[in-house]
Amino acid sequence: MHKSKSTELRALSDQDLNAKAKEINEDIFKTRMQIATGGVTNKHEILNKRRNLARVKTILNEKRGGK
């Protein structure tokens, strides 16, 4: 997965953002399992996915008028 740009994410609806957050969460879980079993050598990949998830959640919070 490539780095999500915040301008691209802001154009998405709340429903799309929720789906993207769920997709990223599942991807993080799969990557974590691959790391545990020795299938992935690039451990920084999970860090990038977590950052993307944070971007999505931040934009969702902004759209909802969160604090």
Protein backbone atom coordinates (compact mmCIF):
# COMPACT_ATOMS: atom_id res chain seq x y z
CA MET A 1 0.00 0.00 0.00
CA HIS A 2 1.30 3.40 -0.89
CA LYS A 3 1.36 6.36 1.42
CA SER A 4 -2.09 7.94 1.61
CA LYS A 5 -2.06 11.65 0.99
CA SER A 6 -4.29 13.66 3.28
CA THR A 7 -5.76 15.61 0.34
CA GLU A 8 -6.88 12.33 -1.25
CA LEU A 9 -8.34 11.15 2.05
CA ARG A 10 -10.24 14.39 2.68
CA ALA A 11 -12.11 13.84 -0.60
CA LEU A 12 -13.52 10.52 0.67
CA SER A 13 -16.82 10.18 2.51
CA ASP A 14 -17.03 9.11 6.15
CA GLN A 15 -18.19 5.66 5.05
CA ASP A 16 -15.22 5.30 2.70
CA LEU A 17 -12.83 6.45 5.42
CA ASN A 18 -14.25 3.91 7.86
CA ALA A 19 -13.80 1.16 5.26
CA LYS A 20 -10.23 2.31 4.61
CA ALA A 21 -9.47 2.28 8.36
CA LYS A 22 -10.81 -1.27 8.63
CA GLU A 23 -8.75 -2.34 5.61
CA ILE A 24 -5.58 -0.83 7.06
CA ASN A 25 -6.25 -2.48 10.45
CA GLU A 26 -6.58 -5.88 8.77
CA ASP A 27 -3.41 -5.22 6.78
CA ILE A 28 -1.52 -4.31 9.97
CA PHE A 29 -2.68 -7.57 11.58
CA LYS A 30 -1.57 -9.64 8.58
CA THR A 31 1.80 -7.90 8.50
CA ARG A 32 2.26 -8.46 12.23
CA MET A 33 1.58 -12.17 11.76
CA GLN A 34 4.04 -12.35 8.86
CA ILE A 35 6.70 -10.67 10.98
CA ALA A 36 6.07 -13.15 13.80
CA THR A 37 6.45 -16.11 11.46
CA GLY A 38 9.49 -14.65 9.75
CA GLY A 39 7.77 -14.02 6.43
CA VAL A 40 8.52 -10.30 6.27
CA THR A 41 11.98 -8.84 6.52
CA ASN A 42 10.95 -5.18 6.18
CA LYS A 43 9.66 -4.41 9.68
CA HIS A 44 9.29 -0.71 8.92
CA GLU A 45 6.35 -1.57 6.70
CA ILE A 46 4.10 -1.86 9.77
CA LEU A 47 5.15 1.62 10.91
CA ASN A 48 4.04 3.14 7.61
CA LYS A 49 0.70 1.34 7.82
CA ARG A 50 0.15 2.60 11.36
CA ARG A 51 0.87 6.14 10.21
CA ASN A 52 -1.64 5.78 7.38
CA LEU A 53 -4.22 4.55 9.88
CA ALA A 54 -3.53 7.58 12.07
CA ARG A 55 -4.03 9.87 9.06
CA VAL A 56 -7.39 8.28 8.27
CA LYS A 57 -8.56 8.48 11.88
CA THR A 58 -7.45 12.11 12.19
CA ILE A 59 -9.39 13.12 9.10
CA LEU A 60 -12.45 11.20 10.29
CA ASN A 61 -12.25 13.03 13.61
CA GLU A 62 -11.91 16.39 11.86
CA LYS A 63 -14.95 15.68 9.68
CA ARG A 64 -17.02 14.76 12.71
CA GLY A 65 -16.07 18.02 14.37
CA GLY A 66 -14.00 16.30 17.03
CA LYS A 67 -11.77 18.03 19.49
